[in-house]
Amino acid sequence: MKKPKLGLPPTTPTPLSNTAMQDMINKGGSVLETPAPIAAKLKPDEDKLKSFTFKIYESELAQIRAIQDSLPKRDRISIHDFVVAAVKEKITKENKKQN
């Protein structure tokens, strides 16, 4: 079976009968300048997200993957999230030691 062809709108231009609508179209519009207000909302001391690469031994990566594999599929997190969570946990432990 062939797909039915879609009906295309007529290609002949139809003149607009409403003069107010034609005047609005001819008038055009203005462009909003949004980058300046957005930049003003940012705080200079805001915590920015940084990206970097680090090296890890294959054996340690294998241990992380083994931990992931032992979890149910619905509870698995990515290696990135696992490492970030471990770093956050270490930071909290260090902060508790210092206090």
PDB file of N, CA and C in Angstrom:
ATOM      1  N   MET A   1       0.845  -1.187   0.000  1.00  0.00           N
ATOM      2  CA  MET A   1       0.000   0.000   0.000  1.00  0.00           C
ATOM      3  C   MET A   1       0.883   1.240   0.000  1.00  0.00           C
ATOM      4  N   LYS A   2       0.471   2.202  -0.776  1.00  0.00           N
ATOM      5  CA  LYS A   2       1.187   3.462  -0.812  1.00  0.00           C
ATOM      6  C   LYS A   2       0.614   4.404   0.230  1.00  0.00           C
ATOM      7  N   LYS A   3       1.501   5.239   0.758  1.00  0.00           N
ATOM      8  CA  LYS A   3       1.035   6.243   1.704  1.00  0.00           C
ATOM      9  C   LYS A   3       0.251   7.315   0.947  1.00  0.00           C
ATOM     10  N   PRO A   4      -0.814   7.811   1.535  1.00  0.00           N
ATOM     11  CA  PRO A   4      -1.526   8.898   0.860  1.00  0.00           C
ATOM     12  C   PRO A   4      -0.685  10.171   0.898  1.00  0.00           C
ATOM     13  N   LYS A   5      -0.736  10.912  -0.206  1.00  0.00           N
ATOM     14  CA  LYS A   5       0.030  12.145  -0.258  1.00  0.00           C
ATOM     15  C   LYS A   5      -0.629  13.199   0.616  1.00  0.00           C
ATOM     16  N   LEU A   6       0.226  13.988   1.255  1.00  0.00           N
ATOM     17  CA  LEU A   6      -0.289  15.055   2.094  1.00  0.00           C
ATOM     18  C   LEU A   6      -0.770  16.198   1.212  1.00  0.00           C
ATOM     19  N   GLY A   7      -1.867  16.794   1.596  1.00  0.00           N
ATOM     20  CA  GLY A   7      -2.373  17.935   0.851  1.00  0.00           C
ATOM     21  C   GLY A   7      -1.587  19.179   1.222  1.00  0.00           C
ATOM     22  N   LEU A   8      -1.018  19.844   0.247  1.00  0.00           N
ATOM     23  CA  LEU A   8      -0.250  21.047   0.501  1.00  0.00           C
ATOM     24  C   LEU A   8      -1.136  22.271   0.343  1.00  0.00           C
ATOM     25  N   PRO A   9      -0.828  23.340   1.075  1.00  0.00           N
ATOM     26  CA  PRO A   9      -1.630  24.554   0.930  1.00  0.00           C
ATOM     27  C   PRO A   9      -1.424  25.159  -0.454  1.00  0.00           C
ATOM     28  N   PRO A  10      -2.366  25.961  -0.916  1.00  0.00           N
ATOM     29  CA  PRO A  10      -2.217  26.553  -2.245  1.00  0.00           C
ATOM     30  C   PRO A  10      -0.981  27.449  -2.299  1.00  0.00           C
ATOM     31  N   THR A  11      -0.308  27.433  -3.453  1.00  0.00           N
ATOM     32  CA  THR A  11       0.916  28.210  -3.589  1.00  0.00           C
ATOM     33  C   THR A  11       0.663  29.621  -4.076  1.00  0.00           C
ATOM     34  N   THR A  12      -0.504  29.900  -4.549  1.00  0.00           N
ATOM     35  CA  THR A  12      -0.784  31.256  -5.008  1.00  0.00           C
ATOM     36  C   THR A  12      -1.018  32.144  -3.802  1.00  0.00           C
ATOM     37  N   PRO A  13      -0.347  33.293  -3.731  1.00  0.00           N
ATOM     38  CA  PRO A  13      -0.532  34.166  -2.579  1.00  0.00           C
ATOM     39  C   PRO A  13      -1.920  34.793  -2.584  1.00  0.00           C
ATOM     40  N   THR A  14      -2.509  34.809  -1.398  1.00  0.00           N
ATOM     41  CA  THR A  14      -3.815  35.446  -1.267  1.00  0.00           C
ATOM     42  C   THR A  14      -3.612  36.781  -0.576  1.00  0.00           C
ATOM     43  N   PRO A  15      -4.153  37.829  -1.123  1.00  0.00           N
ATOM     44  CA  PRO A  15      -3.979  39.137  -0.496  1.00  0.00           C
ATOM     45  C   PRO A  15      -4.744  39.205   0.819  1.00  0.00           C
ATOM     46  N   LEU A  16      -4.153  39.891   1.796  1.00  0.00           N
ATOM     47  CA  LEU A  16      -4.820  40.044   3.078  1.00  0.00           C
ATOM     48  C   LEU A  16      -5.883  41.120   2.952  1.00  0.00           C
ATOM     49  N   SER A  17      -7.070  40.777   3.408  1.00  0.00           N
ATOM     50  CA  SER A  17      -8.166  41.722   3.263  1.00  0.00           C
ATOM     51  C   SER A  17      -8.193  42.722   4.421  1.00  0.00           C
ATOM     52  N   ASN A  18      -7.656  42.350   5.543  1.00  0.00           N
ATOM     53  CA  ASN A  18      -7.683  43.228   6.708  1.00  0.00           C
ATOM     54  C   ASN A  18      -6.495  44.187   6.633  1.00  0.00           C
ATOM     55  N   THR A  19      -6.730  45.473   6.485  1.00  0.00           N
ATOM     56  CA  THR A  19      -5.645  46.447   6.342  1.00  0.00           C
ATOM     57  C   THR A  19      -4.889  46.644   7.643  1.00  0.00           C
ATOM     58  N   ALA A  20      -5.568  46.498   8.780  1.00  0.00           N
ATOM     59  CA  ALA A  20      -4.877  46.651  10.067  1.00  0.00           C
ATOM     60  C   ALA A  20      -3.837  45.545  10.232  1.00  0.00           C
ATOM     61  N   MET A  21      -4.174  44.338   9.802  1.00  0.00           N
ATOM     62  CA  MET A  21      -3.234  43.225   9.905  1.00  0.00           C
ATOM     63  C   MET A  21      -2.058  43.449   8.949  1.00  0.00           C
ATOM     64  N   GLN A  22      -2.337  43.917   7.758  1.00  0.00           N
ATOM     65  CA  GLN A  22      -1.281  44.194   6.783  1.00  0.00           C
ATOM     66  C   GLN A  22      -0.352  45.292   7.295  1.00  0.00           C
ATOM     67  N   ASP A  23      -0.906  46.333   7.946  1.00  0.00           N
ATOM     68  CA  ASP A  23      -0.091  47.415   8.508  1.00  0.00           C
ATOM     69  C   ASP A  23       0.824  46.899   9.612  1.00  0.00           C
ATOM     70  N   MET A  24       0.298  45.976  10.450  1.00  0.00           N
ATOM     71  CA  MET A  24       1.101  45.416  11.542  1.00  0.00           C
ATOM     72  C   MET A  24       2.259  44.591  10.980  1.00  0.00           C
ATOM     73  N   ILE A  25       1.992  43.839   9.946  1.00  0.00           N
ATOM     74  CA  ILE A  25       3.042  43.023   9.333  1.00  0.00           C
ATOM     75  C   ILE A  25       4.117  43.909   8.733  1.00  0.00           C
ATOM     76  N   ASN A  26       3.706  44.967   8.045  1.00  0.00           N
ATOM     77  CA  ASN A  26       4.664  45.876   7.419  1.00  0.00           C
ATOM     78  C   ASN A  26       5.463  46.676   8.446  1.00  0.00           C
ATOM     79  N   LYS A  27       4.841  46.936   9.594  1.00  0.00           N
ATOM     80  CA  LYS A  27       5.514  47.718  10.640  1.00  0.00           C
ATOM     81  C   LYS A  27       6.721  46.971  11.188  1.00  0.00           C
ATOM     82  N   GLY A  28       6.618  45.672  11.347  1.00  0.00           N
ATOM     83  CA  GLY A  28       7.720  44.894  11.912  1.00  0.00           C
ATOM     84  C   GLY A  28       7.662  44.912  13.430  1.00  0.00           C
ATOM     85  N   GLY A  29       8.736  44.489  14.048  1.00  0.00           N
ATOM     86  CA  GLY A  29       8.759  44.426  15.501  1.00  0.00           C
ATOM     87  C   GLY A  29      10.111  44.812  16.029  1.00  0.00           C
ATOM     88  N   SER A  30      10.252  44.731  17.325  1.00  0.00           N
ATOM     89  CA  SER A  30      11.530  45.054  17.954  1.00  0.00           C
ATOM     90  C   SER A  30      12.110  43.796  18.578  1.00  0.00           C
ATOM     91  N   VAL A  31      13.403  43.803  18.782  1.00  0.00           N
ATOM     92  CA  VAL A  31      14.103  42.670  19.363  1.00  0.00           C
ATOM     93  C   VAL A  31      14.382  42.960  20.826  1.00  0.00           C
ATOM     94  N   LEU A  32      14.072  41.981  21.685  1.00  0.00           N
ATOM     95  CA  LEU A  32      14.352  42.128  23.106  1.00  0.00           C
ATOM     96  C   LEU A  32      15.828  41.923  23.365  1.00  0.00           C
ATOM     97  N   GLU A  33      16.388  42.716  24.219  1.00  0.00           N
ATOM     98  CA  GLU A  33      17.800  42.577  24.577  1.00  0.00           C
ATOM     99  C   GLU A  33      17.889  41.844  25.905  1.00  0.00           C
ATOM    100  N   THR A  34      17.871  40.507  25.851  1.00  0.00           N
ATOM    101  CA  THR A  34      17.869  39.702  27.066  1.00  0.00           C
ATOM    102  C   THR A  34      19.247  39.408  27.648  1.00  0.00           C
ATOM    103  N   PRO A  35      20.352  39.402  26.880  1.00  0.00           N
ATOM    104  CA  PRO A  35      21.624  39.034  27.497  1.00  0.00           C
ATOM    105  C   PRO A  35      22.053  39.967  28.632  1.00  0.00           C
ATOM    106  N   ALA A  36      21.791  41.233  28.557  1.00  0.00           N
ATOM    107  CA  ALA A  36      22.218  42.154  29.611  1.00  0.00           C
ATOM    108  C   ALA A  36      21.495  41.889  30.929  1.00  0.00           C
ATOM    109  N   PRO A  37      20.149  41.735  30.950  1.00  0.00           N
ATOM    110  CA  PRO A  37      19.492  41.456  32.222  1.00  0.00           C
ATOM    111  C   PRO A  37      19.892  40.112  32.823  1.00  0.00           C
ATOM    112  N   ILE A  38      20.124  39.098  31.983  1.00  0.00           N
ATOM    113  CA  ILE A  38      20.527  37.793  32.504  1.00  0.00           C
ATOM    114  C   ILE A  38      21.902  37.897  33.158  1.00  0.00           C
ATOM    115  N   ALA A  39      22.805  38.619  32.518  1.00  0.00           N
ATOM    116  CA  ALA A  39      24.145  38.790  33.081  1.00  0.00           C
ATOM    117  C   ALA A  39      24.091  39.566  34.388  1.00  0.00           C
ATOM    118  N   ALA A  40      23.147  40.479  34.510  1.00  0.00           N
ATOM    119  CA  ALA A  40      23.032  41.266  35.738  1.00  0.00           C
ATOM    120  C   ALA A  40      22.534  40.409  36.902  1.00  0.00           C
ATOM    121  N   LYS A  41      21.757  39.357  36.615  1.00  0.00           N
ATOM    122  CA  LYS A  41      21.220  38.506  37.672  1.00  0.00           C
ATOM    123  C   LYS A  41      22.280  37.599  38.283  1.00  0.00           C
ATOM    124  N   LEU A  42      23.344  37.266  37.542  1.00  0.00           N
ATOM    125  CA  LEU A  42      24.373  36.361  38.044  1.00  0.00           C
ATOM    126  C   LEU A  42      25.179  37.033  39.146  1.00  0.00           C
ATOM    127  N   LYS A  43      25.445  36.294  40.173  1.00  0.00           N
ATOM    128  CA  LYS A  43      26.255  36.807  41.272  1.00  0.00           C
ATOM    129  C   LYS A  43      27.726  36.553  40.966  1.00  0.00           C
ATOM    130  N   PRO A  44      28.596  37.495  41.266  1.00  0.00           N
ATOM    131  CA  PRO A  44      30.012  37.261  40.987  1.00  0.00           C
ATOM    132  C   PRO A  44      30.607  36.144  41.844  1.00  0.00           C
ATOM    133  N   ASP A  45      30.043  35.909  43.027  1.00  0.00           N
ATOM    134  CA  ASP A  45      30.588  34.876  43.904  1.00  0.00           C
ATOM    135  C   ASP A  45      29.854  33.542  43.757  1.00  0.00           C
ATOM    136  N   GLU A  46      29.065  33.391  42.689  1.00  0.00           N
ATOM    137  CA  GLU A  46      28.321  32.163  42.461  1.00  0.00           C
ATOM    138  C   GLU A  46      29.273  30.997  42.203  1.00  0.00           C
ATOM    139  N   ASP A  47      28.936  29.834  42.730  1.00  0.00           N
ATOM    140  CA  ASP A  47      29.758  28.642  42.581  1.00  0.00           C
ATOM    141  C   ASP A  47      29.625  28.113  41.162  1.00  0.00           C
ATOM    142  N   LYS A  48      30.688  28.157  40.388  1.00  0.00           N
ATOM    143  CA  LYS A  48      30.644  27.736  38.988  1.00  0.00           C
ATOM    144  C   LYS A  48      31.028  26.268  38.872  1.00  0.00           C
ATOM    145  N   LEU A  49      30.440  25.607  37.898  1.00  0.00           N
ATOM    146  CA  LEU A  49      30.738  24.210  37.619  1.00  0.00           C
ATOM    147  C   LEU A  49      32.024  24.128  36.816  1.00  0.00           C
ATOM    148  N   LYS A  50      32.966  23.338  37.283  1.00  0.00           N
ATOM    149  CA  LYS A  50      34.246  23.157  36.600  1.00  0.00           C
ATOM    150  C   LYS A  50      34.352  21.721  36.111  1.00  0.00           C
ATOM    151  N   SER A  51      35.081  21.537  35.043  1.00  0.00           N
ATOM    152  CA  SER A  51      35.274  20.219  34.473  1.00  0.00           C
ATOM    153  C   SER A  51      36.765  19.932  34.371  1.00  0.00           C
ATOM    154  N   PHE A  52      37.158  18.709  34.706  1.00  0.00           N
ATOM    155  CA  PHE A  52      38.553  18.319  34.576  1.00  0.00           C
ATOM    156  C   PHE A  52      38.641  16.806  34.420  1.00  0.00           C
ATOM    157  N   THR A  53      39.800  16.346  34.030  1.00  0.00           N
ATOM    158  CA  THR A  53      40.042  14.927  33.831  1.00  0.00           C
ATOM    159  C   THR A  53      40.973  14.426  34.927  1.00  0.00           C
ATOM    160  N   PHE A  54      40.726  13.244  35.428  1.00  0.00           N
ATOM    161  CA  PHE A  54      41.644  12.657  36.399  1.00  0.00           C
ATOM    162  C   PHE A  54      41.929  11.218  36.005  1.00  0.00           C
ATOM    163  N   LYS A  55      43.019  10.700  36.536  1.00  0.00           N
ATOM    164  CA  LYS A  55      43.433   9.334  36.210  1.00  0.00           C
ATOM    165  C   LYS A  55      43.100   8.417  37.373  1.00  0.00           C
ATOM    166  N   ILE A  56      42.729   7.191  37.023  1.00  0.00           N
ATOM    167  CA  ILE A  56      42.389   6.196  38.034  1.00  0.00           C
ATOM    168  C   ILE A  56      42.910   4.852  37.527  1.00  0.00           C
ATOM    169  N   TYR A  57      43.363   4.019  38.447  1.00  0.00           N
ATOM    170  CA  TYR A  57      43.866   2.706  38.064  1.00  0.00           C
ATOM    171  C   TYR A  57      42.722   1.813  37.587  1.00  0.00           C
ATOM    172  N   GLU A  58      43.059   0.902  36.669  1.00  0.00           N
ATOM    173  CA  GLU A  58      42.058  -0.015  36.132  1.00  0.00           C
ATOM    174  C   GLU A  58      41.438  -0.861  37.235  1.00  0.00           C
ATOM    175  N   SER A  59      42.251  -1.257  38.213  1.00  0.00           N
ATOM    176  CA  SER A  59      41.737  -2.097  39.299  1.00  0.00           C
ATOM    177  C   SER A  59      40.687  -1.341  40.119  1.00  0.00           C
ATOM    178  N   GLU A  60      40.925  -0.045  40.344  1.00  0.00           N
ATOM    179  CA  GLU A  60      39.945   0.752  41.102  1.00  0.00           C
ATOM    180  C   GLU A  60      38.667   0.939  40.295  1.00  0.00           C
ATOM    181  N   LEU A  61      38.826   1.153  38.997  1.00  0.00           N
ATOM    182  CA  LEU A  61      37.661   1.289  38.132  1.00  0.00           C
ATOM    183  C   LEU A  61      36.870  -0.015  38.090  1.00  0.00           C
ATOM    184  N   ALA A  62      37.569  -1.130  38.080  1.00  0.00           N
ATOM    185  CA  ALA A  62      36.903  -2.438  38.101  1.00  0.00           C
ATOM    186  C   ALA A  62      36.124  -2.618  39.404  1.00  0.00           C
ATOM    187  N   GLN A  63      36.682  -2.140  40.521  1.00  0.00           N
ATOM    188  CA  GLN A  63      35.972  -2.227  41.802  1.00  0.00           C
ATOM    189  C   GLN A  63      34.693  -1.391  41.776  1.00  0.00           C
ATOM    190  N   ILE A  64      34.770  -0.198  41.171  1.00  0.00           N
ATOM    191  CA  ILE A  64      33.583   0.661  41.068  1.00  0.00           C
ATOM    192  C   ILE A  64      32.521  -0.028  40.208  1.00  0.00           C
ATOM    193  N   ARG A  65      32.953  -0.619  39.100  1.00  0.00           N
ATOM    194  CA  ARG A  65      32.003  -1.317  38.219  1.00  0.00           C
ATOM    195  C   ARG A  65      31.392  -2.530  38.921  1.00  0.00           C
ATOM    196  N   ALA A  66      32.181  -3.215  39.748  1.00  0.00           N
ATOM    197  CA  ALA A  66      31.653  -4.373  40.489  1.00  0.00           C
ATOM    198  C   ALA A  66      30.582  -3.917  41.484  1.00  0.00           C
ATOM    199  N   ILE A  67      30.830  -2.780  42.130  1.00  0.00           N
ATOM    200  CA  ILE A  67      29.829  -2.232  43.060  1.00  0.00           C
ATOM    201  C   ILE A  67      28.565  -1.878  42.298  1.00  0.00           C
ATOM    202  N   GLN A  68      28.723  -1.244  41.126  1.00  0.00           N
ATOM    203  CA  GLN A  68      27.559  -0.886  40.317  1.00  0.00           C
ATOM    204  C   GLN A  68      26.785  -2.127  39.885  1.00  0.00           C
ATOM    205  N   ASP A  69      27.503  -3.163  39.475  1.00  0.00           N
ATOM    206  CA  ASP A  69      26.845  -4.380  39.004  1.00  0.00           C
ATOM    207  C   ASP A  69      26.093  -5.102  40.114  1.00  0.00           C
ATOM    208  N   SER A  70      26.524  -4.896  41.360  1.00  0.00           N
ATOM    209  CA  SER A  70      25.845  -5.556  42.466  1.00  0.00           C
ATOM    210  C   SER A  70      24.533  -4.865  42.833  1.00  0.00           C
ATOM    211  N   LEU A  71      24.353  -3.635  42.366  1.00  0.00           N
ATOM    212  CA  LEU A  71      23.125  -2.896  42.659  1.00  0.00           C
ATOM    213  C   LEU A  71      22.035  -3.261  41.663  1.00  0.00           C
ATOM    214  N   PRO A  72      20.765  -3.149  42.081  1.00  0.00           N
ATOM    215  CA  PRO A  72      19.685  -3.353  41.109  1.00  0.00           C
ATOM    216  C   PRO A  72      19.771  -2.289  40.014  1.00  0.00           C
ATOM    217  N   LYS A  73      19.295  -2.618  38.835  1.00  0.00           N
ATOM    218  CA  LYS A  73      19.426  -1.704  37.701  1.00  0.00           C
ATOM    219  C   LYS A  73      18.802  -0.346  37.986  1.00  0.00           C
ATOM    220  N   ARG A  74      17.689  -0.322  38.690  1.00  0.00           N
ATOM    221  CA  ARG A  74      16.998   0.951  38.930  1.00  0.00           C
ATOM    222  C   ARG A  74      17.776   1.844  39.897  1.00  0.00           C
ATOM    223  N   ASP A  75      18.686   1.263  40.695  1.00  0.00           N
ATOM    224  CA  ASP A  75      19.453   2.039  41.667  1.00  0.00           C
ATOM    225  C   ASP A  75      20.859   2.386  41.191  1.00  0.00           C
ATOM    226  N   ARG A  76      21.244   1.929  40.014  1.00  0.00           N
ATOM    227  CA  ARG A  76      22.605   2.182  39.521  1.00  0.00           C
ATOM    228  C   ARG A  76      22.790   3.646  39.166  1.00  0.00           C
ATOM    229  N   ILE A  77      23.988   4.122  39.468  1.00  0.00           N
ATOM    230  CA  ILE A  77      24.342   5.481  39.080  1.00  0.00           C
ATOM    231  C   ILE A  77      25.577   5.409  38.193  1.00  0.00           C
ATOM    232  N   SER A  78      25.836   6.480  37.484  1.00  0.00           N
ATOM    233  CA  SER A  78      26.984   6.487  36.580  1.00  0.00           C
ATOM    234  C   SER A  78      28.283   6.529  37.386  1.00  0.00           C
ATOM    235  N   ILE A  79      29.378   6.213  36.723  1.00  0.00           N
ATOM    236  CA  ILE A  79      30.688   6.273  37.386  1.00  0.00           C
ATOM    237  C   ILE A  79      30.969   7.696  37.826  1.00  0.00           C
ATOM    238  N   HIS A  80      30.602   8.663  36.999  1.00  0.00           N
ATOM    239  CA  HIS A  80      30.793  10.072  37.351  1.00  0.00           C
ATOM    240  C   HIS A  80      30.066  10.403  38.648  1.00  0.00           C
ATOM    241  N   ASP A  81      28.778  10.029  38.734  1.00  0.00           N
ATOM    242  CA  ASP A  81      28.008  10.307  39.944  1.00  0.00           C
ATOM    243  C   ASP A  81      28.573   9.568  41.151  1.00  0.00           C
ATOM    244  N   PHE A  82      29.067   8.353  40.940  1.00  0.00           N
ATOM    245  CA  PHE A  82      29.672   7.579  42.026  1.00  0.00           C
ATOM    246  C   PHE A  82      30.895   8.305  42.580  1.00  0.00           C
ATOM    247  N   VAL A  83      31.750   8.779  41.688  1.00  0.00           N
ATOM    248  CA  VAL A  83      32.979   9.461  42.119  1.00  0.00           C
ATOM    249  C   VAL A  83      32.643  10.783  42.798  1.00  0.00           C
ATOM    250  N   VAL A  84      31.683  11.531  42.248  1.00  0.00           N
ATOM    251  CA  VAL A  84      31.287  12.808  42.862  1.00  0.00           C
ATOM    252  C   VAL A  84      30.717  12.565  44.256  1.00  0.00           C
ATOM    253  N   ALA A  85      29.890  11.543  44.400  1.00  0.00           N
ATOM    254  CA  ALA A  85      29.334  11.221  45.717  1.00  0.00           C
ATOM    255  C   ALA A  85      30.432  10.839  46.702  1.00  0.00           C
ATOM    256  N   ALA A  86      31.427  10.083  46.233  1.00  0.00           N
ATOM    257  CA  ALA A  86      32.534   9.687  47.111  1.00  0.00           C
ATOM    258  C   ALA A  86      33.341  10.908  47.542  1.00  0.00           C
ATOM    259  N   VAL A  87      33.557  11.836  46.628  1.00  0.00           N
ATOM    260  CA  VAL A  87      34.308  13.052  46.977  1.00  0.00           C
ATOM    261  C   VAL A  87      33.522  13.873  47.992  1.00  0.00           C
ATOM    262  N   LYS A  88      32.219  14.013  47.777  1.00  0.00           N
ATOM    263  CA  LYS A  88      31.388  14.777  48.732  1.00  0.00           C
ATOM    264  C   LYS A  88      31.409  14.123  50.109  1.00  0.00           C
ATOM    265  N   GLU A  89      31.354  12.784  50.129  1.00  0.00           N
ATOM    266  CA  GLU A  89      31.394  12.055  51.403  1.00  0.00           C
ATOM    267  C   GLU A  89      32.716  12.300  52.118  1.00  0.00           C
ATOM    268  N   LYS A  90      33.809  12.277  51.385  1.00  0.00           N
ATOM    269  CA  LYS A  90      35.133  12.526  51.966  1.00  0.00           C
ATOM    270  C   LYS A  90      35.226  13.956  52.507  1.00  0.00           C
ATOM    271  N   ILE A  91      34.668  14.917  51.778  1.00  0.00           N
ATOM    272  CA  ILE A  91      34.697  16.308  52.235  1.00  0.00           C
ATOM    273  C   ILE A  91      33.925  16.460  53.537  1.00  0.00           C
ATOM    274  N   THR A  92      32.752  15.825  53.640  1.00  0.00           N
ATOM    275  CA  THR A  92      31.982  15.913  54.895  1.00  0.00           C
ATOM    276  C   THR A  92      32.713  15.260  56.052  1.00  0.00           C
ATOM    277  N   LYS A  93      33.368  14.135  55.801  1.00  0.00           N
ATOM    278  CA  LYS A  93      34.148  13.482  56.876  1.00  0.00           C
ATOM    279  C   LYS A  93      35.281  14.388  57.346  1.00  0.00           C
ATOM    280  N   GLU A  94      35.980  15.024  56.422  1.00  0.00           N
ATOM    281  CA  GLU A  94      37.071  15.917  56.789  1.00  0.00           C
ATOM    282  C   GLU A  94      36.555  17.130  57.557  1.00  0.00           C
ATOM    283  N   ASN A  95      35.408  17.652  57.136  1.00  0.00           N
ATOM    284  CA  ASN A  95      34.842  18.802  57.854  1.00  0.00           C
ATOM    285  C   ASN A  95      34.423  18.419  59.273  1.00  0.00           C
ATOM    286  N   LYS A  96      33.927  17.189  59.477  1.00  0.00           N
ATOM    287  CA  LYS A  96      33.548  16.735  60.808  1.00  0.00           C
ATOM    288  C   LYS A  96      34.776  16.569  61.693  1.00  0.00           C
ATOM    289  N   LYS A  97      35.900  16.115  61.105  1.00  0.00           N
ATOM    290  CA  LYS A  97      37.138  15.956  61.862  1.00  0.00           C
ATOM    291  C   LYS A  97      37.655  17.288  62.365  1.00  0.00           C
ATOM    292  N   GLN A  98      37.559  18.306  61.504  1.00  0.00           N
ATOM    293  CA  GLN A  98      38.089  19.615  61.856  1.00  0.00           C
ATOM    294  C   GLN A  98      37.228  20.317  62.901  1.00  0.00           C
ATOM    295  N   ASN A  99      35.968  19.981  62.984  1.00  0.00           N
ATOM    296  CA  ASN A  99      35.084  20.645  63.961  1.00  0.00           C
ATOM    297  C   ASN A  99      35.086  19.964  65.272  1.00  0.00           C
TER     298      ASN A  99
END
